[in-house]
PDB file of N, CA and C in Angstrom:
ATOM      1  N   MET A   1     -38.406  -5.230 -35.775  1.00  0.00           N
ATOM      2  CA  MET A   1     -37.336  -4.889 -35.165  1.00  0.00           C
ATOM      3  C   MET A   1     -36.431  -4.173 -36.139  1.00  0.00           C
ATOM      4  N   LYS A   2     -35.879  -2.911 -35.677  1.00  0.00           N
ATOM      5  CA  LYS A   2     -35.122  -2.135 -36.736  1.00  0.00           C
ATOM      6  C   LYS A   2     -33.871  -2.742 -36.681  1.00  0.00           C
ATOM      7  N   ARG A   3     -33.181  -2.809 -37.959  1.00  0.00           N
ATOM      8  CA  ARG A   3     -31.938  -3.198 -37.980  1.00  0.00           C
ATOM      9  C   ARG A   3     -30.749  -2.153 -37.868  1.00  0.00           C
ATOM     10  N   GLN A   4     -29.694  -2.207 -37.074  1.00  0.00           N
ATOM     11  CA  GLN A   4     -28.753  -1.410 -37.104  1.00  0.00           C
ATOM     12  C   GLN A   4     -28.009  -1.173 -38.382  1.00  0.00           C
ATOM     13  N   ALA A   5     -27.441  -0.012 -38.699  1.00  0.00           N
ATOM     14  CA  ALA A   5     -26.749   0.234 -39.814  1.00  0.00           C
ATOM     15  C   ALA A   5     -25.447  -0.463 -39.719  1.00  0.00           C
ATOM     16  N   TYR A   6     -25.070  -0.931 -40.875  1.00  0.00           N
ATOM     17  CA  TYR A   6     -23.623  -1.892 -41.044  1.00  0.00           C
ATOM     18  C   TYR A   6     -22.668  -0.898 -40.855  1.00  0.00           C
ATOM     19  N   ARG A   7     -21.592  -1.286 -39.934  1.00  0.00           N
ATOM     20  CA  ARG A   7     -20.461  -0.488 -39.878  1.00  0.00           C
ATOM     21  C   ARG A   7     -19.220  -1.381 -40.169  1.00  0.00           C
ATOM     22  N   PRO A   8     -18.441  -1.026 -41.189  1.00  0.00           N
ATOM     23  CA  PRO A   8     -17.451  -2.042 -41.575  1.00  0.00           C
ATOM     24  C   PRO A   8     -16.249  -1.986 -40.467  1.00  0.00           C
ATOM     25  N   ILE A   9     -15.453  -2.978 -40.222  1.00  0.00           N
ATOM     26  CA  ILE A   9     -14.438  -3.222 -39.290  1.00  0.00           C
ATOM     27  C   ILE A   9     -13.254  -2.712 -40.042  1.00  0.00           C
ATOM     28  N   LEU A  10     -12.668  -1.646 -39.215  1.00  0.00           N
ATOM     29  CA  LEU A  10     -11.449  -0.875 -39.863  1.00  0.00           C
ATOM     30  C   LEU A  10     -10.144  -1.668 -39.375  1.00  0.00           C
ATOM     31  N   ILE A  11      -9.180  -1.503 -40.175  1.00  0.00           N
ATOM     32  CA  ILE A  11      -7.980  -2.406 -39.674  1.00  0.00           C
ATOM     33  C   ILE A  11      -7.182  -1.503 -38.744  1.00  0.00           C
ATOM     34  N   THR A  12      -7.570  -0.298 -38.635  1.00  0.00           N
ATOM     35  CA  THR A  12      -6.954   0.491 -37.565  1.00  0.00           C
ATOM     36  C   THR A  12      -7.536   0.063 -36.192  1.00  0.00           C
ATOM     37  N   ASP A  13      -8.641  -0.550 -36.061  1.00  0.00           N
ATOM     38  CA  ASP A  13      -9.213  -1.036 -34.929  1.00  0.00           C
ATOM     39  C   ASP A  13      -8.440  -2.380 -34.300  1.00  0.00           C
ATOM     40  N   ALA A  14      -7.771  -3.007 -35.295  1.00  0.00           N
ATOM     41  CA  ALA A  14      -7.082  -4.191 -34.958  1.00  0.00           C
ATOM     42  C   ALA A  14      -5.950  -4.034 -33.837  1.00  0.00           C
ATOM     43  N   SER A  15      -5.840  -4.920 -32.961  1.00  0.00           N
ATOM     44  CA  SER A  15      -4.704  -4.804 -31.985  1.00  0.00           C
ATOM     45  C   SER A  15      -3.440  -5.090 -32.607  1.00  0.00           C
ATOM     46  N   ARG A  16      -2.368  -4.864 -31.961  1.00  0.00           N
ATOM     47  CA  ARG A  16      -1.173  -5.182 -32.450  1.00  0.00           C
ATOM     48  C   ARG A  16      -0.759  -6.639 -32.456  1.00  0.00           C
ATOM     49  N   SER A  17       0.010  -7.230 -33.296  1.00  0.00           N
ATOM     50  CA  SER A  17       0.346  -8.609 -33.525  1.00  0.00           C
ATOM     51  C   SER A  17       1.005  -9.163 -32.299  1.00  0.00           C
ATOM     52  N   GLN A  18       0.998 -10.377 -31.933  1.00  0.00           N
ATOM     53  CA  GLN A  18       1.726 -10.943 -30.913  1.00  0.00           C
ATOM     54  C   GLN A  18       3.283 -10.616 -30.917  1.00  0.00           C
ATOM     55  N   ASP A  19       3.659 -10.855 -32.341  1.00  0.00           N
ATOM     56  CA  ASP A  19       5.092 -10.713 -32.560  1.00  0.00           C
ATOM     57  C   ASP A  19       5.556  -9.126 -32.193  1.00  0.00           C
ATOM     58  N   ASP A  20       4.735  -8.294 -32.476  1.00  0.00           N
ATOM     59  CA  ASP A  20       5.214  -6.740 -32.276  1.00  0.00           C
ATOM     60  C   ASP A  20       4.947  -6.532 -30.740  1.00  0.00           C
ATOM     61  N   GLN A  21       4.053  -7.038 -30.030  1.00  0.00           N
ATOM     62  CA  GLN A  21       3.954  -6.885 -28.798  1.00  0.00           C
ATOM     63  C   GLN A  21       5.284  -7.539 -27.926  1.00  0.00           C
ATOM     64  N   LEU A  22       5.633  -8.786 -28.478  1.00  0.00           N
ATOM     65  CA  LEU A  22       6.814  -9.510 -27.849  1.00  0.00           C
ATOM     66  C   LEU A  22       8.097  -8.739 -27.969  1.00  0.00           C
ATOM     67  N   THR A  23       8.252  -8.093 -29.404  1.00  0.00           N
ATOM     68  CA  THR A  23       9.438  -7.215 -29.494  1.00  0.00           C
ATOM     69  C   THR A  23       9.598  -6.052 -28.691  1.00  0.00           C
ATOM     70  N   SER A  24       8.472  -5.307 -28.564  1.00  0.00           N
ATOM     71  CA  SER A  24       8.361  -4.220 -27.819  1.00  0.00           C
ATOM     72  C   SER A  24       8.679  -4.490 -26.289  1.00  0.00           C
ATOM     73  N   ARG A  25       8.308  -5.613 -25.871  1.00  0.00           N
ATOM     74  CA  ARG A  25       8.479  -6.072 -24.468  1.00  0.00           C
ATOM     75  C   ARG A  25       9.921  -6.557 -24.251  1.00  0.00           C
ATOM     76  N   GLN A  26      10.558  -6.942 -25.308  1.00  0.00           N
ATOM     77  CA  GLN A  26      11.884  -7.495 -25.062  1.00  0.00           C
ATOM     78  C   GLN A  26      12.884  -6.199 -25.055  1.00  0.00           C
ATOM     79  N   ARG A  27      12.417  -5.081 -25.978  1.00  0.00           N
ATOM     80  CA  ARG A  27      13.348  -3.902 -26.141  1.00  0.00           C
ATOM     81  C   ARG A  27      13.186  -3.217 -24.787  1.00  0.00           C
ATOM     82  N   ARG A  28      11.978  -3.218 -24.287  1.00  0.00           N
ATOM     83  CA  ARG A  28      11.925  -2.527 -22.819  1.00  0.00           C
ATOM     84  C   ARG A  28      12.717  -3.287 -21.669  1.00  0.00           C
ATOM     85  N   TYR A  29      12.782  -4.636 -21.820  1.00  0.00           N
ATOM     86  CA  TYR A  29      13.531  -5.313 -20.934  1.00  0.00           C
ATOM     87  C   TYR A  29      15.050  -5.200 -20.939  1.00  0.00           C
ATOM     88  N   VAL A  30      15.467  -5.092 -22.143  1.00  0.00           N
ATOM     89  CA  VAL A  30      16.877  -4.918 -22.589  1.00  0.00           C
ATOM     90  C   VAL A  30      17.503  -3.484 -22.017  1.00  0.00           C
ATOM     91  N   ALA A  31      16.490  -2.508 -22.265  1.00  0.00           N
ATOM     92  CA  ALA A  31      16.703  -1.146 -22.054  1.00  0.00           C
ATOM     93  C   ALA A  31      16.783  -0.958 -20.305  1.00  0.00           C
ATOM     94  N   MET A  32      15.951  -1.687 -19.796  1.00  0.00           N
ATOM     95  CA  MET A  32      15.968  -1.413 -18.233  1.00  0.00           C
ATOM     96  C   MET A  32      17.098  -2.211 -17.654  1.00  0.00           C
ATOM     97  N   MET A  33      17.560  -3.298 -18.369  1.00  0.00           N
ATOM     98  CA  MET A  33      18.739  -4.086 -17.712  1.00  0.00           C
ATOM     99  C   MET A  33      19.885  -3.353 -18.051  1.00  0.00           C
ATOM    100  N   GLY A  34      19.905  -2.582 -19.256  1.00  0.00           N
ATOM    101  CA  GLY A  34      21.162  -1.611 -19.505  1.00  0.00           C
ATOM    102  C   GLY A  34      21.161  -0.371 -18.481  1.00  0.00           C
ATOM    103  N   VAL A  35      20.112   0.042 -18.002  1.00  0.00           N
ATOM    104  CA  VAL A  35      20.111   0.872 -16.779  1.00  0.00           C
ATOM    105  C   VAL A  35      20.690   0.432 -15.688  1.00  0.00           C
ATOM    106  N   ARG A  36      20.354  -0.987 -15.399  1.00  0.00           N
ATOM    107  CA  ARG A  36      20.725  -1.700 -14.172  1.00  0.00           C
ATOM    108  C   ARG A  36      22.507  -1.897 -14.276  1.00  0.00           C
ATOM    109  N   VAL A  37      22.789  -2.254 -15.413  1.00  0.00           N
ATOM    110  CA  VAL A  37      24.231  -2.311 -15.563  1.00  0.00           C
ATOM    111  C   VAL A  37      25.018  -0.969 -15.436  1.00  0.00           C
ATOM    112  N   ALA A  38      24.475   0.208 -15.812  1.00  0.00           N
ATOM    113  CA  ALA A  38      24.867   1.500 -15.632  1.00  0.00           C
ATOM    114  C   ALA A  38      24.900   1.686 -14.051  1.00  0.00           C
ATOM    115  N   CYS A  39      23.769   1.307 -13.303  1.00  0.00           N
ATOM    116  CA  CYS A  39      23.990   1.619 -11.871  1.00  0.00           C
ATOM    117  C   CYS A  39      25.032   0.692 -11.272  1.00  0.00           C
ATOM    118  N   VAL A  40      25.140  -0.548 -11.686  1.00  0.00           N
ATOM    119  CA  VAL A  40      26.500  -1.216 -11.087  1.00  0.00           C
ATOM    120  C   VAL A  40      27.828  -0.589 -11.411  1.00  0.00           C
ATOM    121  N   ILE A  41      27.865  -0.077 -12.598  1.00  0.00           N
ATOM    122  CA  ILE A  41      29.165   0.706 -13.055  1.00  0.00           C
ATOM    123  C   ILE A  41      29.388   1.980 -12.226  1.00  0.00           C
ATOM    124  N   VAL A  42      28.275   2.672 -12.168  1.00  0.00           N
ATOM    125  CA  VAL A  42      28.286   4.017 -11.305  1.00  0.00           C
ATOM    126  C   VAL A  42      28.670   3.678  -9.779  1.00  0.00           C
ATOM    127  N   GLY A  43      27.956   2.616  -9.251  1.00  0.00           N
ATOM    128  CA  GLY A  43      28.309   2.211  -7.911  1.00  0.00           C
ATOM    129  C   GLY A  43      29.685   1.821  -7.758  1.00  0.00           C
ATOM    130  N   ALA A  44      30.379   1.138  -8.661  1.00  0.00           N
ATOM    131  CA  ALA A  44      31.722   0.671  -8.608  1.00  0.00           C
ATOM    132  C   ALA A  44      32.777   1.862  -8.592  1.00  0.00           C
ATOM    133  N   ILE A  45      32.269   2.810  -9.424  1.00  0.00           N
ATOM    134  CA  ILE A  45      33.051   4.168  -9.692  1.00  0.00           C
ATOM    135  C   ILE A  45      33.083   4.872  -8.370  1.00  0.00           C
ATOM    136  N   LEU A  46      31.890   5.067  -7.826  1.00  0.00           N
ATOM    137  CA  LEU A  46      31.709   5.850  -6.656  1.00  0.00           C
ATOM    138  C   LEU A  46      32.302   5.134  -5.421  1.00  0.00           C
ATOM    139  N   VAL A  47      32.441   4.026  -5.377  1.00  0.00           N
ATOM    140  CA  VAL A  47      33.116   3.209  -4.249  1.00  0.00           C
ATOM    141  C   VAL A  47      34.631   3.435  -4.472  1.00  0.00           C
ATOM    142  N   GLY A  48      35.088   3.347  -5.657  1.00  0.00           N
ATOM    143  CA  GLY A  48      36.480   3.298  -6.103  1.00  0.00           C
ATOM    144  C   GLY A  48      37.054   4.670  -5.915  1.00  0.00           C
ATOM    145  N   THR A  49      36.300   5.778  -6.271  1.00  0.00           N
ATOM    146  CA  THR A  49      36.980   7.054  -6.152  1.00  0.00           C
ATOM    147  C   THR A  49      36.629   7.704  -4.805  1.00  0.00           C
ATOM    148  N   ARG A  50      35.965   7.140  -3.820  1.00  0.00           N
ATOM    149  CA  ARG A  50      35.418   7.663  -2.610  1.00  0.00           C
ATOM    150  C   ARG A  50      34.817   9.053  -2.725  1.00  0.00           C
ATOM    151  N   ALA A  51      33.668   8.907  -3.584  1.00  0.00           N
ATOM    152  CA  ALA A  51      32.997  10.277  -3.917  1.00  0.00           C
ATOM    153  C   ALA A  51      32.402  10.819  -2.693  1.00  0.00           C
ATOM    154  N   PRO A  52      32.395  12.177  -2.753  1.00  0.00           N
ATOM    155  CA  PRO A  52      31.518  12.951  -1.698  1.00  0.00           C
ATOM    156  C   PRO A  52      30.185  12.471  -1.718  1.00  0.00           C
ATOM    157  N   LEU A  53      29.598  12.465  -0.503  1.00  0.00           N
ATOM    158  CA  LEU A  53      28.143  12.030  -0.095  1.00  0.00           C
ATOM    159  C   LEU A  53      27.965  10.585  -0.633  1.00  0.00           C
ATOM    160  N   LEU A  54      29.062   9.843  -0.403  1.00  0.00           N
ATOM    161  CA  LEU A  54      28.853   8.385  -0.782  1.00  0.00           C
ATOM    162  C   LEU A  54      27.755   7.682  -0.014  1.00  0.00           C
ATOM    163  N   TRP A  55      27.398   8.165   1.233  1.00  0.00           N
ATOM    164  CA  TRP A  55      26.360   7.802   1.917  1.00  0.00           C
ATOM    165  C   TRP A  55      24.906   7.832   1.431  1.00  0.00           C
ATOM    166  N   LEU A  56      24.877   8.875   0.486  1.00  0.00           N
ATOM    167  CA  LEU A  56      23.657   9.196  -0.197  1.00  0.00           C
ATOM    168  C   LEU A  56      23.413   8.456  -1.601  1.00  0.00           C
ATOM    169  N   TRP A  57      24.552   8.388  -2.300  1.00  0.00           N
ATOM    170  CA  TRP A  57      24.496   7.969  -3.656  1.00  0.00           C
ATOM    171  C   TRP A  57      24.530   6.390  -3.600  1.00  0.00           C
ATOM    172  N   LEU A  58      25.464   5.907  -2.789  1.00  0.00           N
ATOM    173  CA  LEU A  58      25.409   4.276  -2.742  1.00  0.00           C
ATOM    174  C   LEU A  58      24.107   3.612  -2.560  1.00  0.00           C
ATOM    175  N   PRO A  59      23.251   4.069  -1.584  1.00  0.00           N
ATOM    176  CA  PRO A  59      21.850   3.337  -1.372  1.00  0.00           C
ATOM    177  C   PRO A  59      20.955   3.674  -2.595  1.00  0.00           C
ATOM    178  N   LEU A  60      21.084   4.901  -3.244  1.00  0.00           N
ATOM    179  CA  LEU A  60      20.276   4.984  -4.526  1.00  0.00           C
ATOM    180  C   LEU A  60      20.603   4.146  -5.531  1.00  0.00           C
ATOM    181  N   VAL A  61      21.869   3.888  -5.801  1.00  0.00           N
ATOM    182  CA  VAL A  61      22.469   2.999  -6.909  1.00  0.00           C
ATOM    183  C   VAL A  61      22.086   1.728  -6.444  1.00  0.00           C
ATOM    184  N   ALA A  62      22.231   1.335  -5.291  1.00  0.00           N
ATOM    185  CA  ALA A  62      21.840  -0.201  -4.864  1.00  0.00           C
ATOM    186  C   ALA A  62      20.379  -0.378  -5.074  1.00  0.00           C
ATOM    187  N   LEU A  63      19.376   0.568  -4.592  1.00  0.00           N
ATOM    188  CA  LEU A  63      18.222   0.566  -4.794  1.00  0.00           C
ATOM    189  C   LEU A  63      17.689   0.217  -6.339  1.00  0.00           C
ATOM    190  N   GLY A  64      18.413   0.999  -7.119  1.00  0.00           N
ATOM    191  CA  GLY A  64      18.060   0.932  -8.722  1.00  0.00           C
ATOM    192  C   GLY A  64      18.740  -0.510  -9.016  1.00  0.00           C
ATOM    193  N   MET A  65      19.668  -1.078  -8.572  1.00  0.00           N
ATOM    194  CA  MET A  65      20.211  -2.449  -8.901  1.00  0.00           C
ATOM    195  C   MET A  65      19.394  -3.552  -8.444  1.00  0.00           C
ATOM    196  N   VAL A  66      18.320  -3.234  -7.453  1.00  0.00           N
ATOM    197  CA  VAL A  66      17.535  -4.286  -6.790  1.00  0.00           C
ATOM    198  C   VAL A  66      16.201  -4.177  -7.529  1.00  0.00           C
ATOM    199  N   LEU A  67      15.623  -2.948  -7.546  1.00  0.00           N
ATOM    200  CA  LEU A  67      14.286  -2.751  -8.171  1.00  0.00           C
ATOM    201  C   LEU A  67      14.163  -2.831  -9.650  1.00  0.00           C
ATOM    202  N   ILE A  68      15.213  -2.369 -10.420  1.00  0.00           N
ATOM    203  CA  ILE A  68      14.997  -2.303 -11.812  1.00  0.00           C
ATOM    204  C   ILE A  68      14.814  -3.750 -12.469  1.00  0.00           C
ATOM    205  N   PRO A  69      15.764  -4.894 -11.892  1.00  0.00           N
ATOM    206  CA  PRO A  69      15.250  -6.201 -12.438  1.00  0.00           C
ATOM    207  C   PRO A  69      13.997  -6.740 -12.217  1.00  0.00           C
ATOM    208  N   TRP A  70      13.427  -6.432 -10.996  1.00  0.00           N
ATOM    209  CA  TRP A  70      12.103  -6.792 -10.623  1.00  0.00           C
ATOM    210  C   TRP A  70      11.093  -5.982 -11.555  1.00  0.00           C
ATOM    211  N   LEU A  71      11.337  -4.743 -11.717  1.00  0.00           N
ATOM    212  CA  LEU A  71      10.281  -4.112 -12.734  1.00  0.00           C
ATOM    213  C   LEU A  71      10.553  -4.566 -13.995  1.00  0.00           C
ATOM    214  N   ALA A  72      11.693  -4.849 -14.410  1.00  0.00           N
ATOM    215  CA  ALA A  72      11.898  -5.355 -16.006  1.00  0.00           C
ATOM    216  C   ALA A  72      11.222  -6.592 -16.045  1.00  0.00           C
ATOM    217  N   VAL A  73      11.274  -7.544 -15.226  1.00  0.00           N
ATOM    218  CA  VAL A  73      10.518  -8.869 -15.384  1.00  0.00           C
ATOM    219  C   VAL A  73       9.109  -8.619 -15.309  1.00  0.00           C
ATOM    220  N   LEU A  74       8.515  -7.760 -14.428  1.00  0.00           N
ATOM    221  CA  LEU A  74       7.060  -7.518 -14.435  1.00  0.00           C
ATOM    222  C   LEU A  74       6.542  -6.898 -15.736  1.00  0.00           C
ATOM    223  N   LEU A  75       7.332  -5.934 -16.253  1.00  0.00           N
ATOM    224  CA  LEU A  75       6.854  -5.263 -17.547  1.00  0.00           C
ATOM    225  C   LEU A  75       7.185  -6.127 -18.721  1.00  0.00           C
ATOM    226  N   ALA A  76       8.184  -6.908 -18.651  1.00  0.00           N
ATOM    227  CA  ALA A  76       8.343  -7.932 -19.975  1.00  0.00           C
ATOM    228  C   ALA A  76       7.189  -8.912 -19.924  1.00  0.00           C
ATOM    229  N   ASN A  77       6.667  -9.292 -18.739  1.00  0.00           N
ATOM    230  CA  ASN A  77       5.594 -10.334 -18.872  1.00  0.00           C
ATOM    231  C   ASN A  77       4.144  -9.882 -18.872  1.00  0.00           C
ATOM    232  N   ASP A  78       4.153  -8.422 -18.814  1.00  0.00           N
ATOM    233  CA  ASP A  78       2.815  -7.777 -18.939  1.00  0.00           C
ATOM    234  C   ASP A  78       2.275  -7.685 -20.435  1.00  0.00           C
ATOM    235  N   ARG A  79       1.090  -8.081 -20.516  1.00  0.00           N
ATOM    236  CA  ARG A  79       0.513  -7.984 -21.947  1.00  0.00           C
ATOM    237  C   ARG A  79      -0.600  -6.987 -21.770  1.00  0.00           C
ATOM    238  N   PRO A  80      -1.031  -6.372 -23.035  1.00  0.00           N
ATOM    239  CA  PRO A  80      -2.121  -5.538 -22.906  1.00  0.00           C
ATOM    240  C   PRO A  80      -3.505  -6.408 -22.605  1.00  0.00           C
ATOM    241  N   PRO A  81      -4.357  -5.837 -21.931  1.00  0.00           N
ATOM    242  CA  PRO A  81      -5.641  -6.592 -21.712  1.00  0.00           C
ATOM    243  C   PRO A  81      -6.312  -7.086 -22.985  1.00  0.00           C
ATOM    244  N   LYS A  82      -6.964  -8.121 -22.724  1.00  0.00           N
ATOM    245  CA  LYS A  82      -7.625  -8.622 -24.193  1.00  0.00           C
ATOM    246  C   LYS A  82      -8.920  -7.813 -24.271  1.00  0.00           C
ATOM    247  N   GLU A  83      -9.257  -7.527 -25.496  1.00  0.00           N
ATOM    248  CA  GLU A  83     -10.490  -6.634 -25.794  1.00  0.00           C
ATOM    249  C   GLU A  83     -11.593  -7.648 -26.023  1.00  0.00           C
ATOM    250  N   GLN A  84     -12.771  -7.219 -25.661  1.00  0.00           N
ATOM    251  CA  GLN A  84     -13.989  -7.743 -25.954  1.00  0.00           C
ATOM    252  C   GLN A  84     -14.202  -8.024 -27.455  1.00  0.00           C
ATOM    253  N   HIS A  85     -14.958  -8.932 -27.764  1.00  0.00           N
ATOM    254  CA  HIS A  85     -14.984  -9.010 -29.281  1.00  0.00           C
ATOM    255  C   HIS A  85     -15.843  -7.763 -29.841  1.00  0.00           C
ATOM    256  N   ARG A  86     -15.177  -7.131 -30.737  1.00  0.00           N
ATOM    257  CA  ARG A  86     -15.739  -5.824 -31.429  1.00  0.00           C
ATOM    258  C   ARG A  86     -17.139  -6.104 -31.837  1.00  0.00           C
ATOM    259  N   LEU A  87     -17.453  -7.075 -32.423  1.00  0.00           N
ATOM    260  CA  LEU A  87     -18.808  -7.342 -32.980  1.00  0.00           C
ATOM    261  C   LEU A  87     -19.884  -7.545 -31.965  1.00  0.00           C
ATOM    262  N   ALA A  88     -19.439  -8.129 -30.769  1.00  0.00           N
ATOM    263  CA  ALA A  88     -20.376  -8.362 -29.606  1.00  0.00           C
ATOM    264  C   ALA A  88     -21.120  -7.113 -29.305  1.00  0.00           C
ATOM    265  N   SER A  89     -20.258  -6.216 -29.030  1.00  0.00           N
ATOM    266  CA  SER A  89     -20.874  -4.890 -28.542  1.00  0.00           C
ATOM    267  C   SER A  89     -21.540  -4.069 -29.557  1.00  0.00           C
ATOM    268  N   ARG A  90     -21.194  -4.179 -30.861  1.00  0.00           N
ATOM    269  CA  ARG A  90     -22.007  -3.502 -31.885  1.00  0.00           C
ATOM    270  C   ARG A  90     -23.185  -4.043 -32.325  1.00  0.00           C
ATOM    271  N   TYR A  91     -23.360  -5.311 -32.357  1.00  0.00           N
ATOM    272  CA  TYR A  91     -24.592  -5.963 -32.852  1.00  0.00           C
ATOM    273  C   TYR A  91     -25.276  -6.734 -31.696  1.00  0.00           C
ATOM    274  N   ARG A  92     -25.206  -6.280 -30.578  1.00  0.00           N
ATOM    275  CA  ARG A  92     -26.042  -6.929 -29.554  1.00  0.00           C
ATOM    276  C   ARG A  92     -27.476  -6.753 -29.771  1.00  0.00           C
ATOM    277  N   ALA A  93     -28.303  -7.752 -29.507  1.00  0.00           N
ATOM    278  CA  ALA A  93     -29.787  -7.524 -29.790  1.00  0.00           C
ATOM    279  C   ALA A  93     -30.360  -6.691 -28.684  1.00  0.00           C
ATOM    280  N   GLN A  94     -31.066  -5.800 -28.888  1.00  0.00           N
ATOM    281  CA  GLN A  94     -31.592  -4.883 -27.879  1.00  0.00           C
ATOM    282  C   GLN A  94     -33.121  -5.460 -27.634  1.00  0.00           C
ATOM    283  N   PRO A  95     -33.475  -5.785 -26.334  1.00  0.00           N
ATOM    284  CA  PRO A  95     -34.814  -6.313 -26.036  1.00  0.00           C
ATOM    285  C   PRO A  95     -35.785  -5.149 -26.242  1.00  0.00           C
ATOM    286  N   ALA A  96     -36.910  -5.649 -26.867  1.00  0.00           N
ATOM    287  CA  ALA A  96     -37.950  -4.678 -27.112  1.00  0.00           C
ATOM    288  C   ALA A  96     -38.727  -4.345 -25.943  1.00  0.00           C
ATOM    289  N   ALA A  97     -39.159  -3.143 -25.718  1.00  0.00           N
ATOM    290  CA  ALA A  97     -39.908  -2.842 -24.537  1.00  0.00           C
ATOM    291  C   ALA A  97     -41.291  -3.268 -24.626  1.00  0.00           C
ATOM    292  N   ASP A  98     -41.933  -3.425 -25.783  1.00  0.00           N
ATOM    293  CA  ASP A  98     -43.293  -3.764 -25.794  1.00  0.00           C
ATOM    294  C   ASP A  98     -43.656  -5.214 -26.041  1.00  0.00           C
ATOM    295  N   VAL A  99     -42.591  -6.091 -26.050  1.00  0.00           N
ATOM    296  CA  VAL A  99     -42.802  -7.629 -26.208  1.00  0.00           C
ATOM    297  C   VAL A  99     -42.894  -8.187 -24.729  1.00  0.00           C
ATOM    298  N   PRO A 100     -43.913  -8.968 -24.489  1.00  0.00           N
ATOM    299  CA  PRO A 100     -44.045  -9.515 -23.131  1.00  0.00           C
ATOM    300  C   PRO A 100     -43.055 -10.698 -23.080  1.00  0.00           C
ATOM    301  N   PRO A 101     -42.609 -10.976 -21.690  1.00  0.00           N
ATOM    302  CA  PRO A 101     -41.451 -12.036 -21.524  1.00  0.00           C
ATOM    303  C   PRO A 101     -42.302 -13.463 -21.912  1.00  0.00           C
ATOM    304  N   ARG A 102     -41.357 -14.280 -22.185  1.00  0.00           N
ATOM    305  CA  ARG A 102     -41.774 -15.623 -22.865  1.00  0.00           C
ATOM    306  C   ARG A 102     -42.201 -16.601 -21.678  1.00  0.00           C
ATOM    307  N   SER A 103     -41.582 -16.438 -20.708  1.00  0.00           N
ATOM    308  CA  SER A 103     -41.964 -17.388 -19.540  1.00  0.00           C
ATOM    309  C   SER A 103     -43.320 -17.092 -18.872  1.00  0.00           C
ATOM    310  N   LEU A 104     -43.919 -18.114 -18.217  1.00  0.00           N
ATOM    311  CA  LEU A 104     -45.152 -18.135 -17.688  1.00  0.00           C
ATOM    312  C   LEU A 104     -45.086 -17.728 -16.265  1.00  0.00           C
ATOM    313  N   THR A 105     -46.137 -16.990 -15.885  1.00  0.00           N
ATOM    314  CA  THR A 105     -46.119 -16.688 -14.523  1.00  0.00           C
ATOM    315  C   THR A 105     -46.685 -17.943 -13.691  1.00  0.00           C
ATOM    316  N   THR A 106     -46.638 -17.830 -12.376  1.00  0.00           N
ATOM    317  CA  THR A 106     -47.143 -19.140 -11.505  1.00  0.00           C
ATOM    318  C   THR A 106     -48.533 -19.280 -11.629  1.00  0.00           C
ATOM    319  N   GLU A 107     -49.240 -18.334 -11.881  1.00  0.00           N
ATOM    320  CA  GLU A 107     -50.752 -18.498 -12.096  1.00  0.00           C
ATOM    321  C   GLU A 107     -50.909 -19.338 -13.463  1.00  0.00           C
ATOM    322  N   GLU A 108     -50.271 -18.943 -14.506  1.00  0.00           N
ATOM    323  CA  GLU A 108     -50.547 -19.463 -15.958  1.00  0.00           C
ATOM    324  C   GLU A 108     -49.711 -20.873 -16.097  1.00  0.00           C
ATOM    325  N   ALA A 109     -48.840 -20.969 -15.175  1.00  0.00           N
ATOM    326  CA  ALA A 109     -48.026 -22.256 -15.557  1.00  0.00           C
ATOM    327  C   ALA A 109     -48.805 -23.531 -15.044  1.00  0.00           C
ATOM    328  N   PRO A 110     -48.948 -24.562 -15.886  1.00  0.00           N
ATOM    329  CA  PRO A 110     -49.668 -25.698 -15.479  1.00  0.00           C
ATOM    330  C   PRO A 110     -48.657 -26.416 -14.459  1.00  0.00           C
ATOM    331  N   HIS A 111     -49.259 -27.023 -13.262  1.00  0.00           N
ATOM    332  CA  HIS A 111     -48.545 -27.680 -12.467  1.00  0.00           C
ATOM    333  C   HIS A 111     -49.209 -29.103 -11.931  1.00  0.00           C
ATOM    334  N   LYS A 112     -48.287 -29.902 -11.674  1.00  0.00           N
ATOM    335  CA  LYS A 112     -48.753 -31.199 -11.303  1.00  0.00           C
ATOM    336  C   LYS A 112     -48.566 -31.359  -9.925  1.00  0.00           C
ATOM    337  N   VAL A 113     -49.751 -31.876  -9.085  1.00  0.00           N
ATOM    338  CA  VAL A 113     -49.728 -32.005  -7.860  1.00  0.00           C
ATOM    339  C   VAL A 113     -49.366 -33.617  -7.469  1.00  0.00           C
ATOM    340  N   ILE A 114     -48.506 -33.687  -6.712  1.00  0.00           N
ATOM    341  CA  ILE A 114     -48.199 -35.135  -6.301  1.00  0.00           C
ATOM    342  C   ILE A 114     -48.634 -35.333  -4.909  1.00  0.00           C
ATOM    343  N   ASP A 115     -49.396 -36.063  -4.659  1.00  0.00           N
ATOM    344  CA  ASP A 115     -50.049 -36.521  -3.451  1.00  0.00           C
ATOM    345  C   ASP A 115     -49.359 -37.667  -2.834  1.00  0.00           C
ATOM    346  N   ALA A 116     -49.133 -37.770  -1.623  1.00  0.00           N
ATOM    347  CA  ALA A 116     -48.306 -38.940  -0.861  1.00  0.00           C
ATOM    348  C   ALA A 116     -49.379 -40.035  -0.831  1.00  0.00           C
ATOM    349  N   GLU A 117     -50.636 -39.665  -0.517  1.00  0.00           N
ATOM    350  CA  GLU A 117     -51.646 -40.787  -0.358  1.00  0.00           C
ATOM    351  C   GLU A 117     -52.448 -40.952  -1.561  1.00  0.00           C
ATOM    352  N   PRO A 118     -52.567 -42.334  -1.782  1.00  0.00           N
ATOM    353  CA  PRO A 118     -53.412 -42.719  -3.037  1.00  0.00           C
ATOM    354  C   PRO A 118     -54.868 -42.333  -2.904  1.00  0.00           C
TER     355      PRO A 118
END
């Protein structure tokens, strides 16, 4: 059996640490909630000034106030998928084509006959 060439594991192949992932998710959450606060403020200003096309702007702002927290929570709890072990895919044993299987066929297998009558 031919051995595969050794490939070193590079540090650039490593995934981000748990702390880095948590920090980036927290920043994304705070940014999205900041957009929500902006939607609340813009909605209050629009209602207070009786802006033209209020019937168009107010539902858009309300939609932002409702959807953004939901999306922020989903994205804050989302983690990148776990990778398969790097070494498992690189050093998986390849079955040889010319090696016969190790199990016995039904003709070769010794079998025991149990008879109900003595």
